[in-house]
Protein backbone atom coordinates (compact mmCIF):
# COMPACT_ATOMS: atom_id res chain seq x y z
CA MET A 1 0.27 -17.87 14.71
CA ARG A 2 2.41 -19.83 12.29
CA ARG A 3 5.93 -18.57 11.73
CA ILE A 4 7.96 -19.36 8.65
CA SER A 5 11.74 -19.59 8.36
CA MET A 6 13.76 -16.47 7.61
CA MET A 7 14.28 -17.33 3.95
CA THR A 8 13.02 -14.86 1.35
CA MET A 9 9.23 -15.09 1.01
CA PHE A 10 7.16 -14.10 -1.99
CA ILE A 11 4.06 -12.04 -1.22
CA LEU A 12 1.35 -11.37 -3.81
CA CYS A 13 0.07 -7.75 -3.70
CA ALA A 14 -2.93 -7.23 -5.98
CA VAL A 15 -3.49 -3.75 -7.45
CA LEU A 16 -5.73 -2.41 -10.21
CA PHE A 17 -6.90 0.92 -11.58
CA GLY A 18 -8.29 2.91 -8.64
CA THR A 19 -6.29 1.19 -5.90
CA LEU A 20 -5.52 3.50 -2.97
CA ALA A 21 -1.97 4.84 -3.29
CA MET A 22 -0.70 4.76 0.29
CA GLN A 23 -2.15 1.30 0.91
CA ALA A 24 -0.48 -0.07 -2.20
CA HIS A 25 2.96 1.10 -1.09
CA CYS A 26 3.11 0.56 2.69
CA ARG A 27 2.96 -3.22 2.38
CA PRO A 28 5.70 -3.75 -0.22
CA GLN A 29 8.14 -1.48 1.61
CA LEU A 30 7.69 -3.09 5.03
CA LEU A 31 7.65 -6.58 3.56
CA ALA A 32 10.88 -5.84 1.73
CA ASP A 33 12.40 -4.62 5.00
CA ALA A 34 11.36 -8.00 6.44
CA ASN A 35 13.25 -9.91 3.72
CA SER A 36 10.18 -10.54 1.55
CA THR A 37 9.74 -9.92 -2.16
CA ALA A 38 6.45 -8.30 -3.19
CA LEU A 39 4.94 -9.49 -6.45
CA TYR A 40 2.18 -7.38 -7.96
CA ASP A 41 -0.90 -8.52 -9.84
CA GLU A 42 -2.69 -6.33 -12.32
CA ARG A 43 -4.79 -6.83 -15.41
CA LYS A 44 -5.20 -3.51 -17.20
CA ASN A 45 -2.04 -2.68 -19.04
CA GLU A 46 0.55 -4.49 -21.07
CA ASP A 47 3.33 -2.39 -19.54
CA PHE A 48 1.84 -2.81 -16.03
CA LEU A 49 1.25 0.95 -15.58
CA ILE A 50 -1.27 1.47 -12.78
CA CYS A 51 -3.00 4.80 -12.11
CA VAL A 52 -3.89 4.44 -8.45
CA GLU A 53 -6.12 6.91 -6.61
CA TYR A 54 -5.10 10.58 -6.53
CA LYS A 55 -3.12 10.26 -9.78
CA CYS A 56 -0.07 8.46 -8.45
CA ASN A 57 1.18 6.58 -11.50
CA CYS A 58 3.30 3.50 -10.82
CA PHE A 59 4.60 0.56 -12.80
CA THR A 60 4.21 -2.91 -11.31
CA PRO A 61 6.96 -5.47 -11.94
CA ASN A 62 4.59 -8.36 -12.71
CA GLY A 63 1.22 -9.05 -14.28
CA LEU A 64 -1.29 -11.77 -13.54
CA ALA A 65 0.08 -14.09 -16.18
CA SER A 66 3.68 -13.83 -14.98
CA THR A 67 2.68 -14.23 -11.33
CA ALA A 68 0.41 -17.21 -12.00
CA CYS A 69 3.33 -19.19 -13.40
CA PHE A 70 5.96 -17.86 -10.99
CA PRO A 71 8.25 -20.77 -10.05
CA LEU A 72 8.31 -20.13 -6.29
CA SER A 73 5.32 -20.51 -3.98
CA ILE A 74 3.57 -17.38 -2.71
CA ARG A 75 3.43 -17.19 1.09
CA SER A 76 0.75 -14.52 1.40
CA ALA A 77 -1.83 -12.85 -0.87
CA VAL A 78 -2.77 -9.23 -0.09
CA VAL A 79 -5.74 -7.46 -1.74
CA GLN A 80 -5.53 -3.64 -1.70
CA GLY A 81 -8.36 -1.21 -1.03
CA GLY A 82 -9.57 1.97 -2.68
CA ILE A 83 -12.53 2.71 -4.92
CA PRO A 84 -12.96 1.61 -7.62
CA GLY A 85 -9.81 -0.48 -7.10
CA ALA A 86 -11.28 -2.90 -4.55
CA ALA A 87 -14.38 -3.48 -6.68
CA ASN A 88 -12.20 -3.99 -9.76
CA LEU A 89 -10.13 -6.56 -7.88
CA GLY A 90 -13.28 -8.29 -6.64
CA GLY A 91 -14.45 -8.66 -10.23
CA CYS A 92 -11.15 -10.05 -11.48
CA ALA A 93 -11.72 -13.77 -12.15
CA ALA A 94 -8.02 -14.49 -12.63
CA LEU A 95 -7.16 -12.95 -9.26
CA GLU A 96 -10.04 -14.79 -7.55
CA SER A 97 -8.69 -18.08 -8.89
CA ILE A 98 -5.17 -17.34 -7.63
CA VAL A 99 -6.27 -16.25 -4.14
CA ARG A 100 -8.78 -19.11 -3.84
CA ARG A 101 -6.10 -21.70 -4.66
CA HIS A 102 -3.79 -19.97 -2.20
CA ALA A 103 -6.43 -20.03 0.57
CA LEU A 104 -7.24 -23.69 0.00
CA LYS A 105 -3.61 -24.50 0.78
CA GLY A 106 -4.13 -22.99 4.24
CA ALA A 107 -1.80 -20.06 3.53
CA LEU A 108 -2.09 -16.48 4.82
CA TYR A 109 -4.27 -14.00 2.90
CA ALA A 110 -5.31 -10.44 3.68
CA ALA A 111 -7.26 -7.36 2.57
CA ILE A 112 -7.70 -3.76 3.65
CA CYS A 113 -10.28 -0.95 3.41
CA ALA A 114 -13.11 -1.84 1.01
CA ALA A 115 -11.40 -5.02 -0.22
CA PRO A 116 -12.50 -7.36 2.62
CA PRO A 117 -16.21 -7.12 1.65
CA LEU A 118 -15.82 -6.28 -2.05
CA ALA A 119 -13.22 -8.95 -2.83
CA LEU A 120 -12.57 -11.60 -0.16
CA ALA A 121 -16.17 -11.81 1.09
CA ARG A 122 -17.49 -11.71 -2.47
CA TRP A 123 -15.38 -14.80 -3.20
CA GLY A 124 -16.68 -16.54 -0.06
CA LEU A 125 -13.25 -16.49 1.58
CA LEU A 126 -14.45 -14.76 4.77
CA ASN A 127 -17.31 -17.13 5.61
CA GLY A 128 -17.18 -17.95 9.32
CA VAL A 129 -14.39 -15.41 9.85
CA LYS A 130 -14.19 -12.30 12.03
CA ALA A 131 -13.10 -9.36 9.88
CA THR A 132 -13.01 -5.58 9.68
CA ALA A 133 -13.31 -3.09 6.82
CA HIS A 134 -13.72 0.61 6.11
CA PRO A 135 -16.82 1.83 8.01
CA ALA A 136 -18.48 2.87 4.74
CA PHE A 137 -18.32 -0.74 3.50
CA VAL A 138 -18.92 -2.83 6.63
CA ASP A 139 -22.58 -3.24 5.68
CA LYS A 140 -21.44 -4.98 2.49
CA PHE A 141 -20.33 -8.00 4.49
CA PRO A 142 -22.70 -10.96 4.04
CA ALA A 143 -24.29 -12.63 7.06
CA GLU A 144 -21.61 -15.34 7.01
CA VAL A 145 -18.97 -12.78 8.11
CA THR A 146 -18.71 -11.44 11.67
CA ALA A 147 -17.86 -7.74 11.41
CA VAL A 148 -15.50 -6.46 14.12
CA ASP A 149 -14.98 -2.80 15.07
CA ALA A 150 -11.17 -2.79 15.15
CA ASN A 151 -8.28 -1.30 13.19
CA VAL A 152 -6.70 -4.65 12.33
CA VAL A 153 -8.18 -8.11 12.85
CA VAL A 154 -6.25 -11.38 12.68
CA ASP A 155 -8.49 -14.45 12.59
CA GLY A 156 -6.56 -17.61 11.86
CA LYS A 157 -5.01 -17.29 8.42
CA VAL A 158 -6.89 -14.08 7.52
CA VAL A 159 -5.78 -10.49 8.24
CA THR A 160 -8.08 -7.52 7.55
CA ALA A 161 -7.80 -3.78 8.27
CA ARG A 162 -10.08 -0.76 8.17
CA GLY A 163 -8.49 1.86 5.91
CA PRO A 164 -5.66 4.17 4.82
CA ALA A 165 -4.56 5.29 8.30
CA MET A 166 -4.15 1.64 9.30
CA ALA A 167 -1.93 0.73 6.33
CA MET A 168 1.20 0.69 8.50
CA GLU A 169 -0.44 -1.36 11.29
CA PHE A 170 -1.77 -3.75 8.66
CA ALA A 171 1.65 -4.19 7.07
CA LEU A 172 3.29 -4.82 10.43
CA ALA A 173 0.58 -7.35 11.31
CA LEU A 174 1.47 -9.23 8.12
CA VAL A 175 5.17 -9.14 9.02
CA GLU A 176 4.35 -10.45 12.51
CA GLN A 177 2.27 -13.31 11.10
CA LEU A 178 5.01 -14.26 8.66
CA TYR A 179 8.11 -13.72 10.78
CA GLY A 180 7.05 -13.17 14.39
CA LYS A 181 6.68 -10.19 16.73
CA GLU A 182 10.42 -9.67 17.18
CA LYS A 183 10.86 -9.00 13.46
CA ALA A 184 7.85 -6.68 13.36
CA ASP A 185 9.21 -4.68 16.30
CA GLN A 186 12.63 -4.57 14.68
CA ILE A 187 11.16 -2.94 11.57
CA ALA A 188 8.78 -0.63 13.45
CA LYS A 189 11.40 0.92 15.72
CA PRO A 190 13.62 2.75 13.16
CA MET A 191 10.52 3.80 11.21
CA LEU A 192 9.12 5.46 14.38
CA VAL A 193 5.84 3.62 13.98
CA ARG A 194 5.13 2.98 17.63
CA TYR A 195 5.77 6.01 19.79
CA GLU A 196 6.60 5.82 23.47
CA PRO A 197 3.76 6.66 25.89
CA GLY A 198 3.37 10.41 26.27
CA TYR A 199 4.98 11.19 22.91
CA THR A 200 4.36 14.76 21.75
CA PHE A 201 5.83 17.10 19.19
CA LYS A 202 6.80 20.70 19.81
CA GLU A 203 6.59 23.55 17.33
CA LEU A 204 9.50 26.00 17.57
CA ASN A 205 9.32 29.59 16.32
CA PRO A 206 5.68 29.34 15.19
CA ILE A 207 4.64 31.57 12.30
CA GLN A 208 1.36 32.36 10.56
CA TRP A 209 1.80 30.39 7.33
CA GLN A 210 -0.77 30.92 4.63
CA CYS A 211 -1.19 31.12 0.89
CA SER A 212 -3.84 32.63 -1.31
CA GLY A 213 -5.97 30.17 -3.22
CA THR A 214 -4.99 26.55 -3.80
CA PRO A 215 -1.57 25.67 -2.32
CA LYS A 216 0.98 24.65 -4.95
CA VAL A 217 3.43 22.03 -3.72
CA LEU A 218 6.60 20.70 -5.35
CA ILE A 219 7.76 17.18 -4.50
CA PRO A 220 11.05 16.31 -6.21
CA LEU A 221 11.86 12.61 -6.49
CA ALA A 222 15.04 10.76 -7.41
CA ASN A 223 16.04 7.13 -7.70
CA ALA A 224 16.16 5.31 -4.32
CA ASN A 225 13.71 7.65 -2.56
CA GLU A 226 11.45 5.91 -0.02
CA GLU A 227 8.31 5.13 -2.01
CA MET A 228 6.09 4.85 1.07
CA GLU A 229 7.01 8.34 2.29
CA ALA A 230 6.69 9.93 -1.14
CA ILE A 231 3.38 8.29 -2.06
CA THR A 232 1.81 8.92 1.35
CA ILE A 233 2.69 12.64 1.15
CA ILE A 234 1.35 12.94 -2.40
CA ASP A 235 -1.81 11.02 -1.47
CA ALA A 236 -2.60 13.16 1.60
CA LEU A 237 -1.98 16.50 -0.13
CA ARG A 238 -4.03 15.60 -3.19
CA ARG A 239 -6.87 14.48 -0.92
CA ALA A 240 -6.80 18.05 0.42
CA ASN A 241 -7.02 19.34 -3.18
CA ALA A 242 -3.53 20.84 -3.16
CA ASP A 243 -1.91 21.36 -6.57
CA VAL A 244 0.91 18.84 -6.23
CA VAL A 245 3.67 18.73 -8.86
CA VAL A 246 5.85 15.61 -8.66
CA ALA A 247 9.13 16.28 -10.46
CA SER A 248 11.89 13.87 -11.44
CA ALA A 249 15.48 14.81 -10.65
CA GLU A 250 16.63 12.03 -12.99
CA ASP A 251 17.07 12.11 -16.77
CA GLY A 252 13.51 10.86 -17.41
CA VAL A 253 10.10 11.18 -15.76
CA GLU A 254 10.26 7.63 -14.38
CA ILE A 255 12.17 7.04 -11.14
CA VAL A 256 12.98 3.74 -9.43
CA ALA A 257 12.31 4.00 -5.70
CA ARG A 258 14.15 2.19 -2.90
CA HIS A 259 12.18 -1.05 -3.19
CA ASN A 260 12.12 -0.98 -7.01
CA THR A 261 8.71 0.65 -7.35
CA ARG A 262 8.73 2.53 -10.65
CA ILE A 263 6.99 5.87 -10.14
CA VAL A 264 6.01 8.07 -13.09
CA THR A 265 6.39 11.73 -12.13
CA ASP A 266 4.50 14.66 -13.65
CA VAL A 267 7.47 16.55 -15.11
CA LEU A 268 11.25 16.77 -15.10
CA LEU A 269 12.67 19.00 -12.38
CA ASP A 270 13.99 21.48 -14.96
CA ALA A 271 10.45 22.06 -16.20
CA ALA A 272 9.34 23.03 -12.69
CA ALA A 273 12.35 25.22 -11.91
CA ASP A 274 10.74 28.52 -12.91
CA GLN A 275 7.37 27.88 -11.26
CA GLN A 276 6.34 29.45 -7.96
CA PHE A 277 5.49 27.06 -5.11
CA ASP A 278 3.99 27.59 -1.67
CA LEU A 279 5.75 24.53 -0.29
CA ILE A 280 8.61 22.25 -1.36
CA ILE A 281 8.89 18.81 0.27
CA VAL A 282 11.96 16.63 -0.15
CA PRO A 283 11.30 12.92 0.64
CA ALA A 284 13.98 10.79 2.24
CA SER A 285 15.97 7.79 1.09
CA ARG A 286 17.83 5.04 2.94
CA ASN A 287 20.59 2.68 1.96
């Protein structure tokens, strides 16, 4: 493992239409906690508005053109998963050129979920490498790649992971490769990522909670909320087909989360005030 000095590093995170929401936001938040700056690539929209999976609309701070000519060197390139996001990224010639040049320099690069076979392997950047991917896409690896049944695989300068539930492990593996295990542990501890052996949770005063029909959930967001917590909650509930209303407590529908992710909410909070909800979830924020 090669460790780099504790100066600010610039990490390229590639996202496109159809990228998986929780994967796209775990990495930037943990990398920012580790003193890194996440740059995003995209190619769809002039204003860099990305509709990732499960209708989580976010603005990215950079596009391919701005990132390609960024004056500081990129230390790591990370390709996100999701369908059709991973396939869209794999078909992006501009992104392939950037990541290929990056890999030829011997720098760290990574992918998660469907992106290892649909992007990195498609570009020939996993030849002779041991890698993992989402089980539904492992058979897409060419013969030159050795598929490994593991959550996260680090093989030399390449890091791959299986899917959404491993997004946190994947992000911490990147932090460890860039900064060392001590830094990764330092970040993981306050985020309660790695529980002590025997960890359990206890439900107090249990009740029979139910609702008729599709649950309607309100998630209010304000500036400086934790994007990873908010997006993960929205992602999971919308996967379950809940009717999730994301409402802005600010003056406009766009909020700026803790690590400067610009999230476009569904409505202003005032517009949701008179609606009936089965559940209201308030995400956290940290200074």
